[in-house]
């Protein structure tokens, strides 16, 4: 009995080393090319968008006297930049999320339909030229149906060499101006709307955001929506403020799709835990039912477990993740049950071995599909397994079980000597 337990522990250790190697290999395949593939996706689709509100300012010139190098006074003209707050902001953003796969990773690519209407007014008592700077949300992006107008007059833009478009607007004293801008673009991972640099005052602000996905999430250091409403395809989120002072911004973190590479690595690293539970149950049930399972049989059972992770790791980058999991599960179940049917019989193979294999390999692996529930699944599985084994083995005389081999061997030897007429005293 003791030798068998030691042999099983050694098998567990060897299998664990193999799983660590497989998990490391899969992780390397996933992340070694991650930055390279991310750059390719950016080049094909676009990067993170950070849309800034238009910056409005005017130049104020004034003169002052200073001493020159010779000590004489002279008059110089200096220019001071005066920023003007937007009177109102009405922004609409519509997201269309479409994931793209490269290698063993999914990337959160999206289309964004952006439009904004901004009102400004001349706070001065005289006519002044105001400069309106509009900054593109990303230099690594494409912009379709781009439109920009001032007071209903479309502005023709011929130079897009800079990230900023600057438009001069002449406004009389107290006169209002309306800026309208819009485009359709593509981005990656996250989207932000910035009121400006640092802390800003925002008056009469409204941003309406619609999504075609349900799992909304927000990056750090952003403002939560003031209201949200469920729609047929996702959510409608609103940010409404009358007089806001904030250094934060508005943002959306696109929901991630389950990535096959990290999932396969996690399942491989976790596999030794599943095998420990499986071996423990099979070992205990074999003692209860007095079924002899040789350590060599445990080696093949461990190999069948390993086949699940090996097959899943190398077909998941070619097939759908759920289809890959199903194929690996069926293959491993077939290997285990068909092998143990020959070793110990059909009923034990289908019931005790098959059910244990399904619970500790397939269900435990399936828990990795639900982020945050793996630990809970293992805890519940461990407690239920412990309780079941305690009840089934409560009446077993373990001292007798561990001494059975020696006692049987001595008794057999005595019987053989008695049959041949030899004295047992020589023993």
Protein backbone atom coordinates (compact mmCIF):
# COMPACT_ATOMS: atom_id res chain seq x y z
CA UNK A 1 0.00 0.00 0.00
CA UNK A 2 2.73 2.48 0.99
CA UNK A 3 4.76 1.77 -2.14
CA UNK A 4 1.67 2.28 -4.26
CA UNK A 5 0.98 5.66 -2.63
CA UNK A 6 4.59 6.76 -3.17
CA UNK A 7 4.38 5.68 -6.82
CA UNK A 8 1.16 7.68 -7.32
CA UNK A 9 2.78 10.77 -5.76
CA UNK A 10 5.75 10.44 -8.12
CA UNK A 11 3.36 10.16 -11.07
CA UNK A 12 1.60 13.33 -9.90
CA UNK A 13 4.93 15.14 -9.64
CA UNK A 14 6.04 14.06 -13.13
CA UNK A 15 2.68 15.04 -14.65
CA UNK A 16 2.86 18.42 -12.89
CA UNK A 17 6.24 19.13 -14.46
CA UNK A 18 4.80 18.29 -17.89
CA UNK A 19 1.85 20.64 -17.32
CA UNK A 20 4.12 23.46 -16.16
CA UNK A 21 6.13 23.05 -19.36
CA UNK A 22 2.99 23.02 -21.51
CA UNK A 23 1.54 26.05 -19.72
CA UNK A 24 4.81 27.94 -20.10
CA UNK A 25 5.02 27.06 -23.78
CA UNK A 26 1.45 28.19 -24.42
CA UNK A 27 2.02 31.39 -22.47
CA UNK A 28 5.16 32.06 -24.50
CA UNK A 29 3.29 31.50 -27.77
CA UNK A 30 0.67 33.96 -26.55
CA UNK A 31 2.70 36.83 -25.15
CA UNK A 32 5.97 36.70 -27.08
CA UNK A 33 4.14 37.97 -30.14
CA UNK A 34 1.58 40.04 -28.23
CA UNK A 35 3.23 43.45 -28.75
CA UNK A 36 4.01 42.65 -32.38
CA UNK A 37 0.45 41.54 -33.09
CA UNK A 38 -0.96 44.53 -31.19
CA UNK A 39 1.01 46.83 -33.47
CA UNK A 40 -0.36 45.02 -36.51
CA UNK A 41 -3.93 45.39 -35.26
CA UNK A 42 -3.31 49.11 -34.64
CA UNK A 43 -1.97 49.45 -38.18
CA UNK A 44 -4.96 47.66 -39.69
CA UNK A 45 -7.74 49.01 -37.49
CA UNK A 46 -6.68 51.94 -35.31
CA UNK A 47 -5.51 52.74 -31.79
CA UNK A 48 -7.03 54.02 -28.55
CA UNK A 49 -9.13 57.16 -29.12
CA UNK A 50 -8.83 60.21 -26.87
CA UNK A 51 -11.16 62.88 -28.15
CA UNK A 52 -10.59 66.35 -26.69
CA UNK A 53 -13.18 69.09 -26.55
CA UNK A 54 -12.45 72.00 -28.92
CA UNK A 55 -10.07 74.54 -27.46
CA UNK A 56 -11.20 78.16 -28.02
CA UNK A 57 -8.92 81.14 -27.35
CA UNK A 58 -8.02 84.61 -28.53
CA UNK A 59 -4.80 86.57 -28.52
CA UNK A 60 -4.55 89.75 -26.52
CA UNK A 61 -1.70 92.09 -27.30
CA UNK A 62 -0.36 94.65 -24.90
CA UNK A 63 2.66 96.90 -24.68
CA UNK A 64 5.09 97.52 -21.89
CA UNK A 65 8.34 99.35 -21.43
CA UNK A 66 11.59 97.52 -20.64
CA UNK A 67 15.23 98.53 -20.48
CA UNK A 68 17.41 97.32 -23.29
CA UNK A 69 21.09 96.34 -23.10
CA UNK A 70 22.12 100.00 -23.17
CA UNK A 71 19.86 100.89 -20.26
CA UNK A 72 17.39 102.83 -22.36
CA UNK A 73 13.63 102.30 -22.15
CA UNK A 74 11.90 100.81 -25.16
CA UNK A 75 8.38 99.60 -25.84
CA UNK A 76 7.77 95.94 -26.63
CA UNK A 77 4.57 94.19 -27.67
CA UNK A 78 3.66 90.88 -26.02
CA UNK A 79 0.90 88.45 -26.82
CA UNK A 80 -1.16 86.75 -24.12
CA UNK A 81 -3.36 83.73 -24.81
CA UNK A 82 -6.84 83.96 -23.27
CA UNK A 83 -8.89 80.76 -23.18
CA UNK A 84 -12.66 80.90 -23.58
CA UNK A 85 -14.95 78.31 -22.01
CA UNK A 86 -17.55 76.56 -24.13
CA UNK A 87 -21.06 77.78 -23.31
CA UNK A 88 -22.74 74.47 -24.17
CA UNK A 89 -21.60 71.03 -25.35
CA UNK A 90 -23.87 68.42 -26.92
CA UNK A 91 -21.98 65.23 -27.79
CA UNK A 92 -23.25 61.95 -29.25
CA UNK A 93 -21.16 58.78 -29.45
CA UNK A 94 -22.27 55.47 -30.95
CA UNK A 95 -20.10 52.34 -30.56
CA UNK A 96 -20.15 49.24 -32.75
CA UNK A 97 -17.88 46.64 -31.13
CA UNK A 98 -16.41 43.95 -33.40
CA UNK A 99 -13.62 41.78 -31.97
CA UNK A 100 -10.66 40.78 -34.15
CA UNK A 101 -8.45 37.72 -33.53
CA UNK A 102 -4.70 37.55 -34.05
CA UNK A 103 -2.79 34.45 -32.95
CA UNK A 104 -4.11 33.30 -29.55
CA UNK A 105 -5.59 36.67 -28.57
CA UNK A 106 -8.77 38.59 -29.30
CA UNK A 107 -8.53 42.37 -29.68
CA UNK A 108 -11.33 44.79 -28.77
CA UNK A 109 -11.79 46.71 -32.01
CA UNK A 110 -14.69 49.11 -32.45
CA UNK A 111 -16.26 51.61 -34.81
CA UNK A 112 -17.26 54.97 -33.38
CA UNK A 113 -19.70 57.50 -34.82
CA UNK A 114 -18.91 60.81 -33.13
CA UNK A 115 -20.72 64.13 -33.38
CA UNK A 116 -20.51 67.26 -31.27
CA UNK A 117 -22.24 70.65 -31.24
CA UNK A 118 -20.52 73.38 -29.24
CA UNK A 119 -21.61 76.96 -28.60
CA UNK A 120 -19.31 79.84 -27.74
CA UNK A 121 -19.85 83.56 -27.25
CA UNK A 122 -17.66 86.64 -27.36
CA UNK A 123 -17.30 87.86 -23.74
CA UNK A 124 -15.58 91.07 -24.84
CA UNK A 125 -17.05 94.49 -25.59
CA UNK A 126 -15.47 94.62 -29.01
CA UNK A 127 -15.13 92.43 -32.09
CA UNK A 128 -12.46 89.76 -31.76
CA UNK A 129 -10.99 86.88 -33.74
CA UNK A 130 -11.25 83.59 -31.88
CA UNK A 131 -9.16 80.54 -32.75
CA UNK A 132 -10.88 77.18 -32.55
CA UNK A 133 -8.55 74.18 -32.27
CA UNK A 134 -9.97 70.73 -32.92
CA UNK A 135 -7.67 67.81 -32.06
CA UNK A 136 -8.10 64.42 -33.71
CA UNK A 137 -8.54 61.57 -31.18
CA UNK A 138 -5.68 59.53 -32.64
CA UNK A 139 -3.02 59.92 -35.29
CA UNK A 140 -3.18 56.16 -35.98
CA UNK A 141 -6.74 56.06 -37.26
CA UNK A 142 -8.94 56.68 -40.27
CA UNK A 143 -11.80 59.20 -40.36
CA UNK A 144 -14.73 58.78 -42.70
CA UNK A 145 -17.44 61.35 -43.37
CA UNK A 146 -15.48 64.02 -41.51
CA UNK A 147 -17.39 67.29 -41.23
CA UNK A 148 -16.66 70.60 -39.55
CA UNK A 149 -18.78 73.73 -39.72
CA UNK A 150 -18.89 77.12 -38.02
CA UNK A 151 -22.32 78.77 -37.71
CA UNK A 152 -23.67 76.35 -40.29
CA UNK A 153 -20.91 77.12 -42.81
CA UNK A 154 -18.89 74.01 -43.78
CA UNK A 155 -15.15 74.47 -43.38
CA UNK A 156 -12.98 73.03 -46.13
CA UNK A 157 -9.85 71.44 -44.66
CA UNK A 158 -6.96 70.84 -47.04
CA UNK A 159 -4.06 70.32 -44.66
CA UNK A 160 -4.28 67.27 -42.40
CA UNK A 161 -0.55 67.02 -41.72
CA UNK A 162 -1.06 68.05 -38.09
CA UNK A 163 -3.16 66.40 -35.39
CA UNK A 164 -4.84 69.76 -34.73
CA UNK A 165 -7.12 71.75 -37.04
CA UNK A 166 -7.13 75.48 -36.25
CA UNK A 167 -10.00 77.67 -37.52
CA UNK A 168 -10.21 81.47 -36.96
CA UNK A 169 -13.69 82.90 -36.31
CA UNK A 170 -14.58 86.60 -36.12
CA UNK A 171 -17.28 87.37 -33.54
CA UNK A 172 -18.79 90.70 -32.58
CA UNK A 173 -19.33 91.78 -28.99
CA UNK A 174 -21.65 89.26 -27.32
CA UNK A 175 -22.11 87.35 -30.57
CA UNK A 176 -22.53 83.57 -30.42
CA UNK A 177 -20.83 80.95 -32.56
CA UNK A 178 -21.83 77.34 -33.15
CA UNK A 179 -19.20 74.68 -33.87
CA UNK A 180 -20.33 71.37 -35.35
CA UNK A 181 -17.95 68.47 -35.85
CA UNK A 182 -18.45 64.80 -36.69
CA UNK A 183 -16.79 61.71 -38.13
CA UNK A 184 -16.87 57.90 -38.26
CA UNK A 185 -13.68 56.19 -37.16
CA UNK A 186 -12.21 52.96 -35.79
CA UNK A 187 -10.40 52.36 -32.51
CA UNK A 188 -8.97 49.75 -30.17
CA UNK A 189 -9.52 48.79 -26.52
CA UNK A 190 -10.63 52.10 -24.99
CA UNK A 191 -12.26 55.43 -25.82
CA UNK A 192 -11.93 58.71 -23.90
CA UNK A 193 -13.46 62.17 -23.99
CA UNK A 194 -11.34 64.88 -22.35
CA UNK A 195 -12.64 68.27 -21.27
CA UNK A 196 -9.13 69.67 -21.52
CA UNK A 197 -5.80 69.58 -19.72
CA UNK A 198 -5.84 69.61 -15.92
CA UNK A 199 -8.91 70.82 -14.05
CA UNK A 200 -11.62 72.35 -16.25
CA UNK A 201 -14.94 74.12 -15.86
CA UNK A 202 -17.65 72.70 -18.11
CA UNK A 203 -21.00 74.44 -18.56
CA UNK A 204 -24.23 72.95 -19.88
CA UNK A 205 -22.59 69.69 -20.89
CA UNK A 206 -24.37 66.64 -22.28
CA UNK A 207 -22.89 63.44 -23.70
CA UNK A 208 -25.04 60.56 -24.93
CA UNK A 209 -23.36 57.22 -25.58
CA UNK A 210 -24.96 54.13 -27.15
CA UNK A 211 -23.36 50.69 -27.31
CA UNK A 212 -24.05 47.40 -29.07
CA UNK A 213 -22.69 45.41 -26.10
CA UNK A 214 -24.01 44.70 -22.61
CA UNK A 215 -20.82 44.32 -20.54
CA UNK A 216 -20.02 47.98 -19.99
CA UNK A 217 -16.91 48.85 -18.01
CA UNK A 218 -15.08 52.08 -17.29
CA UNK A 219 -11.34 52.78 -17.11
CA UNK A 220 -9.79 54.30 -14.00
CA UNK A 221 -10.07 58.03 -13.30
CA UNK A 222 -13.22 58.59 -15.33
CA UNK A 223 -16.66 59.95 -14.45
CA UNK A 224 -19.55 57.52 -14.09
CA UNK A 225 -22.66 58.23 -16.17
CA UNK A 226 -25.44 60.20 -14.55
CA UNK A 227 -28.04 57.85 -16.04
CA UNK A 228 -28.20 54.65 -18.05
CA UNK A 229 -30.93 52.84 -19.93
CA UNK A 230 -30.98 49.30 -21.34
CA UNK A 231 -31.63 49.01 -25.06
CA UNK A 232 -32.30 46.10 -27.40
CA UNK A 233 -28.63 45.85 -28.39
CA UNK A 234 -26.78 47.28 -25.38
CA UNK A 235 -26.93 50.45 -23.30
CA UNK A 236 -27.65 54.15 -23.63
CA UNK A 237 -25.52 56.14 -21.19
CA UNK A 238 -25.90 59.83 -20.34
CA UNK A 239 -23.57 62.39 -18.78
CA UNK A 240 -25.45 65.60 -18.01
CA UNK A 241 -23.92 68.53 -16.10
CA UNK A 242 -24.89 72.19 -15.68
CA UNK A 243 -21.70 73.58 -14.18
CA UNK A 244 -19.01 70.94 -13.68
CA UNK A 245 -15.48 71.42 -12.38
CA UNK A 246 -13.38 68.29 -12.79
CA UNK A 247 -9.95 66.99 -13.65
CA UNK A 248 -11.38 63.62 -14.69
CA UNK A 249 -12.60 62.56 -18.11
CA UNK A 250 -15.27 60.35 -19.64
CA UNK A 251 -14.30 56.93 -20.94
CA UNK A 252 -15.37 53.46 -22.00
CA UNK A 253 -13.36 50.25 -21.71
CA UNK A 254 -14.50 47.82 -24.39
CA UNK A 255 -15.47 44.37 -23.07
CA UNK A 256 -12.86 41.70 -23.68
CA UNK A 257 -13.66 38.45 -25.40
CA UNK A 258 -12.42 35.26 -23.76
CA UNK A 259 -8.83 34.85 -24.93
CA UNK A 260 -7.85 31.26 -25.85
CA UNK A 261 -4.12 31.68 -25.16
CA UNK A 262 -4.29 32.82 -21.51
CA UNK A 263 -7.18 30.40 -20.90
CA UNK A 264 -5.19 27.40 -22.16
CA UNK A 265 -2.22 28.44 -20.01
CA UNK A 266 -4.36 28.81 -16.88
CA UNK A 267 -5.97 25.43 -17.43
CA UNK A 268 -2.56 23.76 -17.84
CA UNK A 269 -1.14 25.38 -14.69
CA UNK A 270 -4.25 24.35 -12.75
CA UNK A 271 -4.32 20.76 -14.09
CA UNK A 272 -2.25 19.18 -11.24
CA UNK A 273 -4.97 20.20 -8.77
CA UNK A 274 -7.59 18.39 -10.87
CA UNK A 275 -5.41 15.29 -11.13
CA UNK A 276 -4.85 15.21 -7.36
CA UNK A 277 -8.61 15.15 -6.76
CA UNK A 278 -9.11 12.52 -9.46
CA UNK A 279 -6.36 10.20 -8.19
CA UNK A 280 -7.57 10.64 -4.61
CA UNK A 281 -11.13 9.58 -5.46
CA UNK A 282 -10.06 6.65 -7.66
CA UNK A 283 -7.59 5.44 -5.02
CA UNK A 284 -10.20 5.59 -2.24
CA UNK A 285 -12.94 3.92 -4.26
CA UNK A 286 -10.55 1.16 -5.33
CA UNK A 287 -9.80 0.46 -1.66
CA UNK A 288 -13.48 0.45 -0.73
CA UNK A 289 -14.36 -1.95 -3.56
CA UNK A 290 -11.13 -3.93 -3.22
CA UNK A 291 -10.12 -3.28 -6.83
CA UNK A 292 -6.43 -3.50 -7.66
CA UNK A 293 -5.21 -0.61 -9.83
CA UNK A 294 -1.50 -0.77 -10.60
CA UNK A 295 0.64 2.41 -10.65
CA UNK A 296 1.16 1.82 -14.38
CA UNK A 297 -2.58 2.30 -14.80
CA UNK A 298 -2.29 5.65 -13.01
CA UNK A 299 0.41 6.68 -15.49
CA UNK A 300 -1.96 6.14 -18.41
CA UNK A 301 -4.75 7.96 -16.56
CA UNK A 302 -2.43 10.95 -16.06
CA UNK A 303 -1.49 10.80 -19.75
CA UNK A 304 -5.18 10.93 -20.68
CA UNK A 305 -5.56 14.04 -18.51
CA UNK A 306 -2.54 15.60 -20.18
CA UNK A 307 -3.96 14.79 -23.62
CA UNK A 308 -6.92 17.06 -22.88
CA UNK A 309 -4.73 20.13 -22.27
CA UNK A 310 -2.27 19.32 -25.05
CA UNK A 311 -5.03 18.95 -27.63
CA UNK A 312 -6.90 22.05 -26.43
CA UNK A 313 -3.75 24.21 -26.48
CA UNK A 314 -2.96 23.44 -30.11
CA UNK A 315 -6.39 23.42 -31.73
CA UNK A 316 -7.81 26.48 -29.99
CA UNK A 317 -5.94 28.87 -32.32
CA UNK A 318 -7.57 27.15 -35.32
CA UNK A 319 -11.11 26.47 -34.08
CA UNK A 320 -13.71 28.20 -31.94
CA UNK A 321 -12.80 28.07 -28.26
CA UNK A 322 -15.96 26.19 -27.25
CA UNK A 323 -15.65 23.66 -30.07
CA UNK A 324 -11.99 23.11 -29.11
CA UNK A 325 -13.00 22.49 -25.50
CA UNK A 326 -15.68 20.01 -26.58
CA UNK A 327 -13.28 18.09 -28.83
CA UNK A 328 -10.61 17.90 -26.11
CA UNK A 329 -13.19 16.80 -23.51
CA UNK A 330 -14.67 14.02 -25.65
CA UNK A 331 -11.20 12.79 -26.62
CA UNK A 332 -9.99 12.63 -23.03
CA UNK A 333 -13.20 10.97 -21.79
CA UNK A 334 -12.94 8.34 -24.52
CA UNK A 335 -9.31 7.58 -23.69
CA UNK A 336 -9.97 7.18 -19.96
CA UNK A 337 -13.20 5.18 -20.09
CA UNK A 338 -12.15 2.87 -22.94
CA UNK A 339 -8.85 2.12 -21.19
CA UNK A 340 -10.29 1.54 -17.70
CA UNK A 341 -13.06 -0.64 -19.14
CA UNK A 342 -10.38 -3.15 -20.11
CA UNK A 343 -8.49 -2.77 -16.83
CA UNK A 344 -11.29 -2.94 -14.23
CA UNK A 345 -14.55 -3.53 -16.11
CA UNK A 346 -17.21 -1.47 -17.85
CA UNK A 347 -19.27 -0.40 -14.81
CA UNK A 348 -16.36 0.92 -12.73
CA UNK A 349 -14.90 2.65 -15.79
CA UNK A 350 -18.17 4.35 -16.75
CA UNK A 351 -19.43 5.28 -13.28
CA UNK A 352 -16.61 5.83 -10.79
CA UNK A 353 -13.86 6.71 -13.25
CA UNK A 354 -16.03 8.45 -15.86
CA UNK A 355 -17.93 10.66 -13.42
CA UNK A 356 -14.77 11.59 -11.48
CA UNK A 357 -12.99 12.43 -14.73
CA UNK A 358 -15.90 14.58 -15.87
CA UNK A 359 -16.07 16.50 -12.58
CA UNK A 360 -12.40 17.05 -11.83
CA UNK A 361 -11.10 17.60 -15.35
CA UNK A 362 -13.91 18.95 -17.49
CA UNK A 363 -16.00 20.88 -14.95
CA UNK A 364 -12.95 22.26 -13.14
CA UNK A 365 -11.51 23.36 -16.49
CA UNK A 366 -14.85 24.83 -17.51
CA UNK A 367 -14.73 27.05 -14.41
CA UNK A 368 -11.88 28.99 -16.06
CA UNK A 369 -14.38 30.26 -18.64
CA UNK A 370 -16.03 32.28 -15.85
CA UNK A 371 -13.51 34.78 -14.52
CA UNK A 372 -13.40 34.95 -10.74
CA UNK A 373 -15.17 31.62 -10.14
CA UNK A 374 -12.26 29.18 -10.44
CA UNK A 375 -11.25 29.44 -6.78
CA UNK A 376 -14.86 29.10 -5.63
CA UNK A 377 -15.34 26.02 -7.83
CA UNK A 378 -12.22 24.35 -6.41
CA UNK A 379 -13.27 25.15 -2.85
CA UNK A 380 -16.75 23.69 -3.30
CA UNK A 381 -15.32 20.67 -5.14
CA UNK A 382 -12.75 20.05 -2.41
CA UNK A 383 -15.33 20.23 0.39
CA UNK A 384 -17.82 17.95 -1.39
CA UNK A 385 -15.09 15.46 -2.29
CA UNK A 386 -13.78 15.43 1.27
CA UNK A 387 -17.26 14.93 2.70
CA UNK A 388 -18.06 12.09 0.30
CA UNK A 389 -14.77 10.28 0.95
CA UNK A 390 -15.14 10.69 4.73
CA UNK A 391 -18.56 9.03 4.67
CA UNK A 392 -17.47 6.22 2.35
CA UNK A 393 -14.29 5.39 4.28
CA UNK A 394 -15.48 6.04 7.85
CA UNK A 395 -15.73 2.32 8.71
CA UNK A 396 -12.53 1.20 7.00
CA UNK A 397 -9.87 -0.25 9.29
CA UNK A 398 -6.88 1.58 7.87
CA UNK A 399 -4.40 -0.28 10.06
CA UNK A 400 -5.66 -3.51 8.59
CA UNK A 401 -5.51 -2.11 5.06
CA UNK A 402 -1.90 -1.06 5.44
CA UNK A 403 -0.98 -4.41 7.02
CA UNK A 404 -2.93 -6.61 4.61
CA UNK A 405 -0.08 -7.25 2.23
CA UNK A 406 2.37 -8.41 4.91
CA UNK A 407 -0.22 -10.55 6.71
CA UNK A 408 -1.40 -12.26 3.55
CA UNK A 409 2.15 -12.94 2.46
CA UNK A 410 3.07 -14.58 5.79
CA UNK A 411 -0.13 -16.60 5.92
CA UNK A 412 0.44 -17.85 2.40
CA UNK A 413 3.97 -18.88 3.30
CA UNK A 414 2.78 -20.76 6.43
CA UNK A 415 0.10 -22.63 4.52
CA UNK A 416 2.56 -23.72 1.86
CA UNK A 417 4.97 -25.05 4.50
CA UNK A 418 2.21 -26.89 6.36
CA UNK A 419 1.11 -28.58 3.14
CA UNK A 420 4.67 -29.80 2.51
CA UNK A 421 5.07 -30.98 6.11
CA UNK A 422 7.66 -28.38 7.07
CA UNK A 423 7.59 -26.83 10.51
CA UNK A 424 6.61 -23.19 10.78
CA UNK A 425 9.04 -22.75 13.58
CA UNK A 426 11.73 -22.05 11.05
CA UNK A 427 9.85 -18.87 10.27
